[in-house]
Amino acid sequence: MATKKNEVQVVIPEIKIEHAQLRITGTSPLVVHKFSEKAKKQMLEKQMKTAKSNAKDAKNPVEDFMQSLYWLTPMPEEYTEAAFEKAIKKGARFGFPATGVKQAAVSAAYRSGLSKDKVSMYGAFHINADLLEIQGTTPVMREDTVRLATGVADLRYRPEFPAGWFMDIPISFNSSLYTLAQIVTFINLGGFAVGIGENRIEKGGQWGAFKVEAE
């Protein structure tokens, strides 16, 4: 195409969006801790400086455990072991935020020097889901002693998915910038050096490690 004098022809590079599905498998336990409705209510009351009673509700370990899960199927209305077991037998399904997996990949790629900044990595690929289903293992309740910011010790009851859990991850990426092999490397690094969930590797723990399964 001929151009007039002093005119600059603009060439728009093609964006080649491709899609793939990857599977990550847990090489260490995954401990999930979704904020419960009770915890969110307490945070809101604190922020709004709402008056509240000094008396604390009795702790229900099973309730804390059940509300810490990301339920993909309806959560039972009763917080009992029997109600949870019944839900499991009926095919209860649980998820994990896709943002956690992506954040692990982005952080690992940046720290490893594979990306000059995190912003460009955020656009390298997208996970096409909000919650990823955790499959392969059934959650069990674990009890941990934690130290609050006030220095007081407290007990936490959280769900643990034993090692061997897996998630199928639908992704889309611009193949004119990154190959699928590169994306897999980023995610593998995230599973090895960062992890997901509670007490993950980047926090000095050992949980939440994973790897991409070979096809």
N, C-alpha and C. Protein backbone atom coordinates (compact mmCIF):
# COMPACT_ATOMS: atom_id res chain seq x y z
N MET A 1 0.85 -1.19 0.00
CA MET A 1 0.00 0.00 0.00
C MET A 1 0.89 1.23 0.00
N ALA A 2 0.65 2.10 -0.96
CA ALA A 2 1.44 3.31 -1.08
C ALA A 2 1.05 4.29 0.01
N THR A 3 2.02 5.03 0.52
CA THR A 3 1.75 6.04 1.54
C THR A 3 2.18 7.40 1.05
N LYS A 4 1.50 8.40 1.55
CA LYS A 4 1.86 9.77 1.20
C LYS A 4 3.15 10.17 1.91
N LYS A 5 3.78 11.19 1.37
CA LYS A 5 5.01 11.68 1.95
C LYS A 5 4.78 12.10 3.40
N ASN A 6 5.70 11.76 4.28
CA ASN A 6 5.67 12.06 5.71
C ASN A 6 4.65 11.24 6.50
N GLU A 7 3.95 10.34 5.82
CA GLU A 7 3.02 9.48 6.54
C GLU A 7 3.75 8.21 6.99
N VAL A 8 3.39 7.73 8.16
CA VAL A 8 4.00 6.53 8.71
C VAL A 8 2.95 5.42 8.72
N GLN A 9 3.30 4.31 8.12
CA GLN A 9 2.39 3.18 8.10
C GLN A 9 2.50 2.40 9.41
N VAL A 10 1.38 2.21 10.05
CA VAL A 10 1.34 1.51 11.33
C VAL A 10 1.02 0.04 11.08
N VAL A 11 1.89 -0.82 11.59
CA VAL A 11 1.67 -2.25 11.47
C VAL A 11 1.30 -2.79 12.85
N ILE A 12 0.10 -3.33 12.95
CA ILE A 12 -0.37 -3.87 14.23
C ILE A 12 -0.04 -5.35 14.29
N PRO A 13 0.83 -5.73 15.22
CA PRO A 13 1.20 -7.16 15.32
C PRO A 13 -0.01 -8.01 15.73
N GLU A 14 -0.06 -9.18 15.19
CA GLU A 14 -1.16 -10.08 15.50
C GLU A 14 -1.02 -10.67 16.90
N ILE A 15 -2.13 -10.71 17.60
CA ILE A 15 -2.15 -11.35 18.91
C ILE A 15 -2.65 -12.77 18.72
N LYS A 16 -1.81 -13.72 19.02
CA LYS A 16 -2.17 -15.12 18.83
C LYS A 16 -2.55 -15.74 20.16
N ILE A 17 -3.85 -15.78 20.42
CA ILE A 17 -4.34 -16.33 21.67
C ILE A 17 -4.59 -17.82 21.51
N GLU A 18 -3.93 -18.60 22.35
CA GLU A 18 -4.13 -20.04 22.34
C GLU A 18 -4.66 -20.50 23.69
N HIS A 19 -5.23 -21.69 23.70
CA HIS A 19 -5.84 -22.22 24.91
C HIS A 19 -5.25 -23.60 25.21
N ALA A 20 -5.17 -23.91 26.48
CA ALA A 20 -4.65 -25.21 26.90
C ALA A 20 -5.21 -25.54 28.27
N GLN A 21 -5.17 -26.81 28.61
CA GLN A 21 -5.56 -27.23 29.95
C GLN A 21 -4.40 -27.98 30.58
N LEU A 22 -3.99 -27.51 31.73
CA LEU A 22 -2.89 -28.11 32.45
C LEU A 22 -3.41 -28.77 33.73
N ARG A 23 -2.67 -29.70 34.24
CA ARG A 23 -3.01 -30.32 35.53
C ARG A 23 -1.83 -30.17 36.47
N ILE A 24 -2.10 -29.62 37.65
CA ILE A 24 -1.07 -29.55 38.68
C ILE A 24 -1.42 -30.58 39.76
N THR A 25 -0.39 -31.25 40.26
CA THR A 25 -0.57 -32.26 41.29
C THR A 25 0.21 -31.85 42.53
N GLY A 26 -0.42 -31.97 43.68
CA GLY A 26 0.21 -31.56 44.93
C GLY A 26 1.28 -32.53 45.39
N THR A 27 2.48 -32.01 45.64
CA THR A 27 3.57 -32.84 46.16
C THR A 27 3.69 -32.70 47.67
N SER A 28 2.88 -31.84 48.26
CA SER A 28 2.78 -31.72 49.71
C SER A 28 1.34 -31.35 50.03
N PRO A 29 0.92 -31.46 51.28
CA PRO A 29 -0.48 -31.16 51.63
C PRO A 29 -0.87 -29.73 51.28
N LEU A 30 -2.14 -29.55 50.97
CA LEU A 30 -2.70 -28.22 50.72
C LEU A 30 -3.65 -27.91 51.86
N VAL A 31 -3.36 -26.84 52.60
CA VAL A 31 -4.21 -26.42 53.72
C VAL A 31 -4.92 -25.13 53.32
N VAL A 32 -6.23 -25.19 53.33
CA VAL A 32 -7.08 -24.08 52.87
C VAL A 32 -7.61 -23.32 54.07
N HIS A 33 -7.76 -22.00 53.92
CA HIS A 33 -8.31 -21.21 55.02
C HIS A 33 -9.12 -20.04 54.47
N LYS A 34 -10.31 -20.33 54.02
CA LYS A 34 -11.23 -19.29 53.55
C LYS A 34 -11.76 -18.53 54.76
N PHE A 35 -11.89 -17.21 54.65
CA PHE A 35 -12.47 -16.44 55.73
C PHE A 35 -13.92 -16.85 55.93
N SER A 36 -14.28 -17.22 57.15
CA SER A 36 -15.66 -17.61 57.44
C SER A 36 -16.54 -16.38 57.51
N GLU A 37 -17.84 -16.60 57.44
CA GLU A 37 -18.79 -15.48 57.55
C GLU A 37 -18.65 -14.83 58.93
N LYS A 38 -18.40 -15.63 59.95
CA LYS A 38 -18.23 -15.08 61.30
C LYS A 38 -17.01 -14.17 61.35
N ALA A 39 -15.91 -14.61 60.75
CA ALA A 39 -14.68 -13.80 60.75
C ALA A 39 -14.87 -12.50 59.98
N LYS A 40 -15.56 -12.58 58.84
CA LYS A 40 -15.79 -11.36 58.05
C LYS A 40 -16.69 -10.39 58.80
N LYS A 41 -17.67 -10.93 59.54
CA LYS A 41 -18.55 -10.07 60.33
C LYS A 41 -17.77 -9.38 61.43
N GLN A 42 -16.86 -10.10 62.08
CA GLN A 42 -16.05 -9.52 63.14
C GLN A 42 -15.13 -8.43 62.60
N MET A 43 -14.55 -8.64 61.41
CA MET A 43 -13.70 -7.62 60.80
C MET A 43 -14.49 -6.37 60.46
N LEU A 44 -15.71 -6.57 59.94
CA LEU A 44 -16.55 -5.43 59.59
C LEU A 44 -16.94 -4.64 60.83
N GLU A 45 -17.29 -5.35 61.91
CA GLU A 45 -17.66 -4.67 63.16
C GLU A 45 -16.49 -3.85 63.69
N LYS A 46 -15.29 -4.41 63.58
CA LYS A 46 -14.10 -3.70 64.06
C LYS A 46 -13.85 -2.44 63.23
N GLN A 47 -14.01 -2.55 61.91
CA GLN A 47 -13.79 -1.41 61.03
C GLN A 47 -14.84 -0.33 61.22
N MET A 48 -16.07 -0.76 61.52
CA MET A 48 -17.17 0.20 61.72
C MET A 48 -17.27 0.65 63.18
N LYS A 49 -16.37 0.11 64.03
CA LYS A 49 -16.37 0.42 65.46
C LYS A 49 -17.74 0.16 66.09
N THR A 50 -18.33 -0.96 65.69
CA THR A 50 -19.63 -1.35 66.21
C THR A 50 -19.46 -1.96 67.60
N ALA A 51 -20.33 -1.57 68.52
CA ALA A 51 -20.27 -2.11 69.87
C ALA A 51 -20.56 -3.60 69.83
N LYS A 52 -19.83 -4.36 70.61
CA LYS A 52 -20.04 -5.80 70.64
C LYS A 52 -19.88 -6.32 72.06
N SER A 53 -20.41 -7.46 72.29
CA SER A 53 -20.34 -8.06 73.61
C SER A 53 -18.93 -8.55 73.90
N ASN A 54 -18.52 -8.49 75.15
CA ASN A 54 -17.19 -8.97 75.54
C ASN A 54 -17.14 -10.49 75.60
N ALA A 55 -18.34 -11.10 75.69
CA ALA A 55 -18.39 -12.56 75.76
C ALA A 55 -18.09 -13.16 74.40
N LYS A 56 -17.23 -14.17 74.37
CA LYS A 56 -16.89 -14.84 73.12
C LYS A 56 -17.77 -16.06 72.91
N ASP A 57 -18.12 -16.29 71.65
CA ASP A 57 -18.90 -17.48 71.34
C ASP A 57 -18.03 -18.71 71.57
N ALA A 58 -18.69 -19.80 71.99
CA ALA A 58 -17.97 -21.05 72.18
C ALA A 58 -17.40 -21.51 70.83
N LYS A 59 -16.16 -21.98 70.85
CA LYS A 59 -15.53 -22.43 69.61
C LYS A 59 -16.11 -23.76 69.18
N ASN A 60 -16.45 -23.85 67.91
CA ASN A 60 -16.93 -25.09 67.32
C ASN A 60 -15.92 -25.52 66.26
N PRO A 61 -15.02 -26.43 66.58
CA PRO A 61 -13.97 -26.82 65.64
C PRO A 61 -14.50 -27.27 64.28
N VAL A 62 -15.59 -28.04 64.27
CA VAL A 62 -16.14 -28.54 63.00
C VAL A 62 -16.68 -27.38 62.17
N GLU A 63 -17.29 -26.40 62.82
CA GLU A 63 -17.78 -25.23 62.10
C GLU A 63 -16.63 -24.46 61.47
N ASP A 64 -15.57 -24.23 62.24
CA ASP A 64 -14.39 -23.53 61.70
C ASP A 64 -13.82 -24.28 60.50
N PHE A 65 -13.74 -25.59 60.63
CA PHE A 65 -13.22 -26.44 59.56
C PHE A 65 -14.07 -26.34 58.31
N MET A 66 -15.38 -26.49 58.47
CA MET A 66 -16.27 -26.50 57.31
C MET A 66 -16.33 -25.14 56.62
N GLN A 67 -16.31 -24.07 57.42
CA GLN A 67 -16.40 -22.73 56.83
C GLN A 67 -15.08 -22.27 56.22
N SER A 68 -14.01 -22.99 56.49
CA SER A 68 -12.72 -22.65 55.88
C SER A 68 -12.59 -23.20 54.46
N LEU A 69 -13.52 -24.04 54.05
CA LEU A 69 -13.49 -24.64 52.72
C LEU A 69 -14.19 -23.74 51.70
N TYR A 70 -13.73 -23.81 50.45
CA TYR A 70 -14.42 -23.16 49.34
C TYR A 70 -15.35 -24.22 48.73
N TRP A 71 -16.60 -24.17 49.12
CA TRP A 71 -17.57 -25.18 48.66
C TRP A 71 -18.03 -24.88 47.25
N LEU A 72 -17.94 -25.88 46.37
CA LEU A 72 -18.49 -25.76 45.01
C LEU A 72 -19.90 -26.34 44.97
N THR A 73 -20.22 -27.14 45.95
CA THR A 73 -21.57 -27.67 46.15
C THR A 73 -22.10 -27.04 47.44
N PRO A 74 -23.40 -27.06 47.67
CA PRO A 74 -23.95 -26.41 48.86
C PRO A 74 -23.34 -26.94 50.16
N MET A 75 -23.01 -26.02 51.06
CA MET A 75 -22.48 -26.41 52.36
C MET A 75 -23.63 -26.79 53.27
N PRO A 76 -23.50 -27.87 54.04
CA PRO A 76 -24.56 -28.27 54.97
C PRO A 76 -24.88 -27.14 55.95
N GLU A 77 -26.11 -27.10 56.39
CA GLU A 77 -26.52 -26.07 57.35
C GLU A 77 -26.09 -26.43 58.76
N GLU A 78 -25.86 -27.70 59.02
CA GLU A 78 -25.40 -28.14 60.32
C GLU A 78 -23.88 -28.32 60.31
N TYR A 79 -23.24 -27.84 61.35
CA TYR A 79 -21.78 -27.96 61.45
C TYR A 79 -21.44 -29.12 62.38
N THR A 80 -21.61 -30.32 61.86
CA THR A 80 -21.30 -31.52 62.63
C THR A 80 -20.50 -32.47 61.75
N GLU A 81 -19.79 -33.39 62.40
CA GLU A 81 -19.03 -34.38 61.65
C GLU A 81 -19.95 -35.25 60.80
N ALA A 82 -21.12 -35.57 61.35
CA ALA A 82 -22.07 -36.41 60.62
C ALA A 82 -22.56 -35.69 59.36
N ALA A 83 -22.84 -34.39 59.48
CA ALA A 83 -23.32 -33.62 58.33
C ALA A 83 -22.23 -33.52 57.26
N PHE A 84 -20.98 -33.37 57.70
CA PHE A 84 -19.88 -33.29 56.73
C PHE A 84 -19.70 -34.62 56.02
N GLU A 85 -19.70 -35.72 56.77
CA GLU A 85 -19.53 -37.04 56.16
C GLU A 85 -20.66 -37.33 55.18
N LYS A 86 -21.85 -36.91 55.52
CA LYS A 86 -22.99 -37.11 54.62
C LYS A 86 -22.79 -36.34 53.32
N ALA A 87 -22.28 -35.10 53.44
CA ALA A 87 -22.02 -34.28 52.25
C ALA A 87 -20.96 -34.93 51.37
N ILE A 88 -19.93 -35.51 52.00
CA ILE A 88 -18.87 -36.18 51.24
C ILE A 88 -19.44 -37.36 50.47
N LYS A 89 -20.29 -38.15 51.12
CA LYS A 89 -20.87 -39.31 50.47
C LYS A 89 -21.78 -38.91 49.31
N LYS A 90 -22.35 -37.72 49.40
CA LYS A 90 -23.23 -37.23 48.33
C LYS A 90 -22.45 -36.54 47.21
N GLY A 91 -21.12 -36.53 47.32
CA GLY A 91 -20.30 -35.97 46.25
C GLY A 91 -19.92 -34.51 46.41
N ALA A 92 -19.71 -34.06 47.65
CA ALA A 92 -19.31 -32.67 47.89
C ALA A 92 -18.03 -32.35 47.13
N ARG A 93 -17.97 -31.14 46.57
CA ARG A 93 -16.81 -30.70 45.79
C ARG A 93 -16.29 -29.39 46.36
N PHE A 94 -14.97 -29.22 46.28
CA PHE A 94 -14.33 -28.06 46.88
C PHE A 94 -13.36 -27.41 45.88
N GLY A 95 -13.12 -26.13 46.08
CA GLY A 95 -12.25 -25.41 45.15
C GLY A 95 -11.16 -24.63 45.86
N PHE A 96 -10.35 -23.96 45.03
CA PHE A 96 -9.29 -23.08 45.51
C PHE A 96 -9.20 -21.91 44.54
N PRO A 97 -8.99 -20.68 45.04
CA PRO A 97 -8.93 -19.51 44.16
C PRO A 97 -7.84 -19.63 43.09
N ALA A 98 -8.23 -19.44 41.83
CA ALA A 98 -7.27 -19.51 40.73
C ALA A 98 -6.20 -18.44 40.85
N THR A 99 -6.53 -17.33 41.50
CA THR A 99 -5.55 -16.25 41.66
C THR A 99 -4.34 -16.71 42.46
N GLY A 100 -4.53 -17.68 43.37
CA GLY A 100 -3.42 -18.17 44.16
C GLY A 100 -2.39 -18.89 43.31
N VAL A 101 -2.87 -19.69 42.36
CA VAL A 101 -1.97 -20.41 41.47
C VAL A 101 -1.23 -19.44 40.56
N LYS A 102 -1.96 -18.46 40.03
CA LYS A 102 -1.31 -17.49 39.13
C LYS A 102 -0.30 -16.64 39.89
N GLN A 103 -0.65 -16.22 41.11
CA GLN A 103 0.28 -15.41 41.89
C GLN A 103 1.57 -16.17 42.17
N ALA A 104 1.44 -17.48 42.43
CA ALA A 104 2.64 -18.30 42.67
C ALA A 104 3.54 -18.31 41.44
N ALA A 105 2.94 -18.48 40.26
CA ALA A 105 3.72 -18.52 39.02
C ALA A 105 4.39 -17.17 38.75
N VAL A 106 3.64 -16.08 38.92
CA VAL A 106 4.17 -14.74 38.65
C VAL A 106 5.33 -14.42 39.60
N SER A 107 5.13 -14.69 40.89
CA SER A 107 6.17 -14.39 41.87
C SER A 107 7.43 -15.20 41.61
N ALA A 108 7.26 -16.48 41.30
CA ALA A 108 8.42 -17.34 41.06
C ALA A 108 9.18 -16.91 39.82
N ALA A 109 8.46 -16.57 38.75
CA ALA A 109 9.12 -16.15 37.51
C ALA A 109 9.91 -14.86 37.71
N TYR A 110 9.32 -13.94 38.47
CA TYR A 110 10.00 -12.66 38.72
C TYR A 110 11.24 -12.86 39.58
N ARG A 111 11.11 -13.65 40.65
CA ARG A 111 12.24 -13.86 41.55
C ARG A 111 13.36 -14.65 40.89
N SER A 112 13.00 -15.46 39.90
CA SER A 112 14.01 -16.26 39.21
C SER A 112 14.67 -15.50 38.07
N GLY A 113 14.25 -14.27 37.85
CA GLY A 113 14.85 -13.46 36.79
C GLY A 113 14.33 -13.76 35.40
N LEU A 114 13.20 -14.49 35.31
CA LEU A 114 12.63 -14.79 34.00
C LEU A 114 11.74 -13.66 33.50
N SER A 115 11.46 -12.70 34.35
CA SER A 115 10.65 -11.55 33.96
C SER A 115 11.21 -10.30 34.63
N LYS A 116 11.22 -9.19 33.90
CA LYS A 116 11.78 -7.96 34.45
C LYS A 116 10.87 -7.33 35.49
N ASP A 117 9.58 -7.64 35.42
CA ASP A 117 8.64 -7.12 36.40
C ASP A 117 7.42 -8.04 36.49
N LYS A 118 6.64 -7.87 37.54
CA LYS A 118 5.47 -8.71 37.73
C LYS A 118 4.32 -8.31 36.82
N VAL A 119 4.24 -7.01 36.49
CA VAL A 119 3.13 -6.52 35.68
C VAL A 119 3.06 -7.23 34.33
N SER A 120 4.21 -7.37 33.66
CA SER A 120 4.22 -8.03 32.36
C SER A 120 3.85 -9.50 32.50
N MET A 121 4.21 -10.10 33.65
CA MET A 121 3.88 -11.50 33.87
C MET A 121 2.38 -11.71 34.08
N TYR A 122 1.73 -10.72 34.70
CA TYR A 122 0.29 -10.86 34.92
C TYR A 122 -0.46 -10.99 33.59
N GLY A 123 0.10 -10.39 32.54
CA GLY A 123 -0.53 -10.48 31.23
C GLY A 123 -0.03 -11.62 30.38
N ALA A 124 0.88 -12.43 30.92
CA ALA A 124 1.46 -13.52 30.14
C ALA A 124 0.45 -14.62 29.87
N PHE A 125 -0.40 -14.87 30.86
CA PHE A 125 -1.43 -15.90 30.69
C PHE A 125 -2.59 -15.62 31.62
N HIS A 126 -3.72 -16.20 31.31
CA HIS A 126 -4.91 -16.06 32.15
C HIS A 126 -5.42 -17.45 32.52
N ILE A 127 -5.88 -17.58 33.75
CA ILE A 127 -6.55 -18.80 34.17
C ILE A 127 -8.05 -18.53 34.06
N ASN A 128 -8.72 -19.29 33.23
CA ASN A 128 -10.11 -19.00 32.90
C ASN A 128 -11.08 -19.64 33.89
N ALA A 129 -10.95 -19.24 35.15
CA ALA A 129 -11.83 -19.73 36.20
C ALA A 129 -11.60 -18.87 37.44
N ASP A 130 -12.60 -18.83 38.31
CA ASP A 130 -12.44 -18.15 39.59
C ASP A 130 -11.97 -19.14 40.65
N LEU A 131 -12.64 -20.29 40.70
CA LEU A 131 -12.25 -21.35 41.62
C LEU A 131 -11.88 -22.59 40.83
N LEU A 132 -10.78 -23.22 41.21
CA LEU A 132 -10.32 -24.45 40.58
C LEU A 132 -10.71 -25.61 41.50
N GLU A 133 -11.31 -26.64 40.94
CA GLU A 133 -11.74 -27.76 41.77
C GLU A 133 -10.55 -28.57 42.26
N ILE A 134 -10.52 -28.85 43.57
CA ILE A 134 -9.49 -29.69 44.16
C ILE A 134 -9.99 -31.12 44.09
N GLN A 135 -9.23 -31.96 43.41
CA GLN A 135 -9.65 -33.35 43.22
C GLN A 135 -8.57 -34.31 43.74
N GLY A 136 -8.95 -35.58 43.83
CA GLY A 136 -7.96 -36.60 44.17
C GLY A 136 -7.91 -37.00 45.63
N THR A 137 -8.12 -36.07 46.54
CA THR A 137 -8.09 -36.39 47.97
C THR A 137 -9.25 -35.69 48.68
N THR A 138 -9.65 -36.22 49.82
CA THR A 138 -10.74 -35.66 50.62
C THR A 138 -10.17 -34.87 51.77
N PRO A 139 -10.71 -33.68 52.06
CA PRO A 139 -10.15 -32.86 53.14
C PRO A 139 -10.37 -33.49 54.52
N VAL A 140 -9.39 -33.34 55.37
CA VAL A 140 -9.48 -33.79 56.75
C VAL A 140 -9.23 -32.58 57.65
N MET A 141 -9.78 -32.62 58.85
CA MET A 141 -9.62 -31.50 59.77
C MET A 141 -8.32 -31.63 60.54
N ARG A 142 -7.54 -30.56 60.56
CA ARG A 142 -6.30 -30.54 61.31
C ARG A 142 -6.40 -29.45 62.38
N GLU A 143 -5.72 -29.66 63.49
CA GLU A 143 -5.67 -28.70 64.59
C GLU A 143 -4.25 -28.15 64.69
N ASP A 144 -4.12 -26.83 64.67
CA ASP A 144 -2.81 -26.20 64.77
C ASP A 144 -2.85 -25.10 65.83
N THR A 145 -1.75 -24.98 66.56
CA THR A 145 -1.61 -23.88 67.51
C THR A 145 -0.93 -22.72 66.80
N VAL A 146 -1.55 -21.55 66.86
CA VAL A 146 -1.01 -20.37 66.20
C VAL A 146 -0.83 -19.26 67.24
N ARG A 147 0.02 -18.31 66.92
CA ARG A 147 0.28 -17.18 67.80
C ARG A 147 -0.33 -15.93 67.17
N LEU A 148 -1.28 -15.31 67.88
CA LEU A 148 -1.93 -14.11 67.36
C LEU A 148 -0.99 -12.91 67.44
N ALA A 149 -1.38 -11.82 66.79
CA ALA A 149 -0.55 -10.62 66.80
C ALA A 149 -0.37 -10.09 68.22
N THR A 150 -1.33 -10.39 69.09
CA THR A 150 -1.25 -9.94 70.47
C THR A 150 -0.30 -10.79 71.30
N GLY A 151 0.18 -11.88 70.71
CA GLY A 151 1.06 -12.78 71.43
C GLY A 151 0.34 -13.94 72.10
N VAL A 152 -1.00 -13.91 72.05
CA VAL A 152 -1.80 -14.96 72.67
C VAL A 152 -1.86 -16.18 71.75
N ALA A 153 -1.73 -17.37 72.33
CA ALA A 153 -1.83 -18.60 71.55
C ALA A 153 -3.30 -18.94 71.31
N ASP A 154 -3.57 -19.49 70.13
CA ASP A 154 -4.94 -19.87 69.81
C ASP A 154 -4.91 -21.15 68.97
N LEU A 155 -6.04 -21.81 68.90
CA LEU A 155 -6.15 -23.03 68.10
C LEU A 155 -6.89 -22.73 66.80
N ARG A 156 -6.41 -23.32 65.71
CA ARG A 156 -7.04 -23.16 64.41
C ARG A 156 -7.43 -24.55 63.89
N TYR A 157 -8.63 -24.63 63.36
CA TYR A 157 -9.12 -25.88 62.79
C TYR A 157 -9.36 -25.65 61.30
N ARG A 158 -8.50 -26.26 60.47
CA ARG A 158 -8.53 -25.99 59.04
C ARG A 158 -8.52 -27.29 58.24
N PRO A 159 -9.03 -27.22 57.01
CA PRO A 159 -9.04 -28.41 56.16
C PRO A 159 -7.70 -28.63 55.47
N GLU A 160 -7.29 -29.89 55.46
CA GLU A 160 -6.05 -30.28 54.78
C GLU A 160 -6.38 -31.31 53.70
N PHE A 161 -5.92 -31.03 52.48
CA PHE A 161 -6.00 -32.00 51.40
C PHE A 161 -4.64 -32.70 51.33
N PRO A 162 -4.57 -33.98 51.65
CA PRO A 162 -3.27 -34.67 51.65
C PRO A 162 -2.59 -34.61 50.28
N ALA A 163 -1.27 -34.77 50.28
CA ALA A 163 -0.50 -34.77 49.03
C ALA A 163 -1.11 -35.77 48.04
N GLY A 164 -1.12 -35.38 46.79
CA GLY A 164 -1.76 -36.19 45.76
C GLY A 164 -3.00 -35.51 45.20
N TRP A 165 -3.41 -34.42 45.84
CA TRP A 165 -4.52 -33.62 45.30
C TRP A 165 -4.11 -33.09 43.92
N PHE A 166 -5.10 -32.79 43.09
CA PHE A 166 -4.77 -32.19 41.79
C PHE A 166 -5.85 -31.23 41.35
N MET A 167 -5.50 -30.33 40.45
CA MET A 167 -6.42 -29.35 39.87
C MET A 167 -6.18 -29.28 38.37
N ASP A 168 -7.25 -29.21 37.61
CA ASP A 168 -7.16 -28.98 36.17
C ASP A 168 -7.32 -27.48 35.92
N ILE A 169 -6.38 -26.91 35.19
CA ILE A 169 -6.32 -25.45 35.02
C ILE A 169 -6.49 -25.07 33.56
N PRO A 170 -7.62 -24.46 33.19
CA PRO A 170 -7.80 -23.97 31.82
C PRO A 170 -7.11 -22.61 31.66
N ILE A 171 -6.19 -22.51 30.73
CA ILE A 171 -5.46 -21.25 30.54
C ILE A 171 -5.59 -20.74 29.11
N SER A 172 -5.35 -19.46 28.95
CA SER A 172 -5.21 -18.85 27.63
C SER A 172 -3.95 -18.00 27.68
N PHE A 173 -3.23 -17.92 26.54
CA PHE A 173 -1.97 -17.17 26.53
C PHE A 173 -1.70 -16.65 25.12
N ASN A 174 -0.89 -15.61 25.05
CA ASN A 174 -0.50 -15.01 23.78
C ASN A 174 0.76 -15.72 23.30
N SER A 175 0.60 -16.64 22.36
CA SER A 175 1.73 -17.46 21.91
C SER A 175 2.75 -16.68 21.09
N SER A 176 2.42 -15.45 20.72
CA SER A 176 3.42 -14.63 20.01
C SER A 176 4.43 -14.04 20.99
N LEU A 177 4.13 -14.13 22.30
CA LEU A 177 5.05 -13.64 23.32
C LEU A 177 5.66 -14.77 24.14
N TYR A 178 4.84 -15.77 24.48
CA TYR A 178 5.31 -16.90 25.30
C TYR A 178 4.82 -18.21 24.71
N THR A 179 5.65 -19.21 24.78
CA THR A 179 5.23 -20.54 24.34
C THR A 179 4.54 -21.25 25.50
N LEU A 180 3.84 -22.33 25.18
CA LEU A 180 3.19 -23.11 26.23
C LEU A 180 4.25 -23.68 27.17
N ALA A 181 5.38 -24.08 26.61
CA ALA A 181 6.45 -24.63 27.44
C ALA A 181 6.95 -23.61 28.46
N GLN A 182 7.01 -22.34 28.06
CA GLN A 182 7.43 -21.30 29.00
C GLN A 182 6.41 -21.10 30.11
N ILE A 183 5.13 -21.12 29.74
CA ILE A 183 4.06 -20.96 30.74
C ILE A 183 4.13 -22.11 31.75
N VAL A 184 4.35 -23.32 31.25
CA VAL A 184 4.46 -24.48 32.13
C VAL A 184 5.64 -24.30 33.08
N THR A 185 6.75 -23.77 32.58
CA THR A 185 7.91 -23.51 33.43
C THR A 185 7.58 -22.53 34.54
N PHE A 186 6.87 -21.46 34.20
CA PHE A 186 6.47 -20.46 35.21
C PHE A 186 5.64 -21.12 36.31
N ILE A 187 4.67 -21.94 35.91
CA ILE A 187 3.78 -22.57 36.88
C ILE A 187 4.53 -23.60 37.71
N ASN A 188 5.43 -24.34 37.08
CA ASN A 188 6.24 -25.31 37.82
C ASN A 188 7.12 -24.62 38.87
N LEU A 189 7.70 -23.50 38.48
CA LEU A 189 8.50 -22.74 39.43
C LEU A 189 7.64 -22.26 40.60
N GLY A 190 6.41 -21.85 40.30
CA GLY A 190 5.49 -21.40 41.34
C GLY A 190 5.21 -22.51 42.33
N GLY A 191 5.04 -23.72 41.82
CA GLY A 191 4.76 -24.85 42.70
C GLY A 191 5.95 -25.25 43.53
N PHE A 192 7.15 -25.06 43.01
CA PHE A 192 8.37 -25.47 43.71
C PHE A 192 8.87 -24.41 44.70
N ALA A 193 8.80 -23.13 44.30
CA ALA A 193 9.43 -22.07 45.10
C ALA A 193 8.46 -21.21 45.89
N VAL A 194 7.16 -21.26 45.58
CA VAL A 194 6.19 -20.38 46.24
C VAL A 194 5.11 -21.18 46.94
N GLY A 195 4.39 -21.99 46.18
CA GLY A 195 3.31 -22.78 46.76
C GLY A 195 2.02 -21.99 46.92
N ILE A 196 0.98 -22.67 47.39
CA ILE A 196 -0.32 -22.05 47.59
C ILE A 196 -0.89 -22.47 48.94
N GLY A 197 -1.84 -21.69 49.44
CA GLY A 197 -2.51 -22.03 50.69
C GLY A 197 -1.73 -21.61 51.93
N GLU A 198 -2.14 -22.17 53.06
CA GLU A 198 -1.53 -21.85 54.34
C GLU A 198 -0.13 -22.47 54.47
N ASN A 199 0.74 -21.78 55.22
CA ASN A 199 2.09 -22.27 55.52
C ASN A 199 2.83 -22.72 54.26
N ARG A 200 2.61 -21.97 53.18
CA ARG A 200 3.24 -22.31 51.91
C ARG A 200 4.73 -22.00 51.94
N ILE A 201 5.42 -22.42 50.91
CA ILE A 201 6.88 -22.35 50.86
C ILE A 201 7.39 -20.92 51.00
N GLU A 202 6.77 -19.95 50.31
CA GLU A 202 7.27 -18.59 50.36
C GLU A 202 7.10 -17.97 51.75
N LYS A 203 6.29 -18.60 52.60
CA LYS A 203 6.10 -18.12 53.97
C LYS A 203 6.97 -18.89 54.95
N GLY A 204 7.88 -19.70 54.42
CA GLY A 204 8.78 -20.45 55.28
C GLY A 204 8.26 -21.84 55.64
N GLY A 205 7.13 -22.22 55.06
CA GLY A 205 6.55 -23.52 55.35
C GLY A 205 6.90 -24.56 54.29
N GLN A 206 6.13 -25.65 54.30
CA GLN A 206 6.38 -26.73 53.35
C GLN A 206 5.11 -27.17 52.63
N TRP A 207 3.99 -26.58 52.94
CA TRP A 207 2.74 -27.04 52.33
C TRP A 207 2.49 -26.31 51.00
N GLY A 208 1.51 -26.84 50.27
CA GLY A 208 1.06 -26.18 49.04
C GLY A 208 1.99 -26.30 47.86
N ALA A 209 2.96 -27.23 47.89
CA ALA A 209 3.84 -27.42 46.74
C ALA A 209 3.15 -28.25 45.68
N PHE A 210 3.48 -28.00 44.42
CA PHE A 210 2.85 -28.73 43.33
C PHE A 210 3.74 -28.75 42.10
N LYS A 211 3.37 -29.56 41.14
CA LYS A 211 4.10 -29.62 39.87
C LYS A 211 3.10 -29.85 38.74
N VAL A 212 3.48 -29.45 37.54
CA VAL A 212 2.63 -29.67 36.37
C VAL A 212 2.86 -31.09 35.87
N GLU A 213 1.77 -31.81 35.67
CA GLU A 213 1.86 -33.19 35.20
C GLU A 213 2.20 -33.20 33.70
N ALA A 214 3.08 -34.09 33.30
CA ALA A 214 3.41 -34.24 31.88
C ALA A 214 2.21 -34.86 31.16
N GLU A 215 1.98 -34.40 29.94
CA GLU A 215 0.86 -34.93 29.18
C GLU A 215 1.20 -36.30 28.61
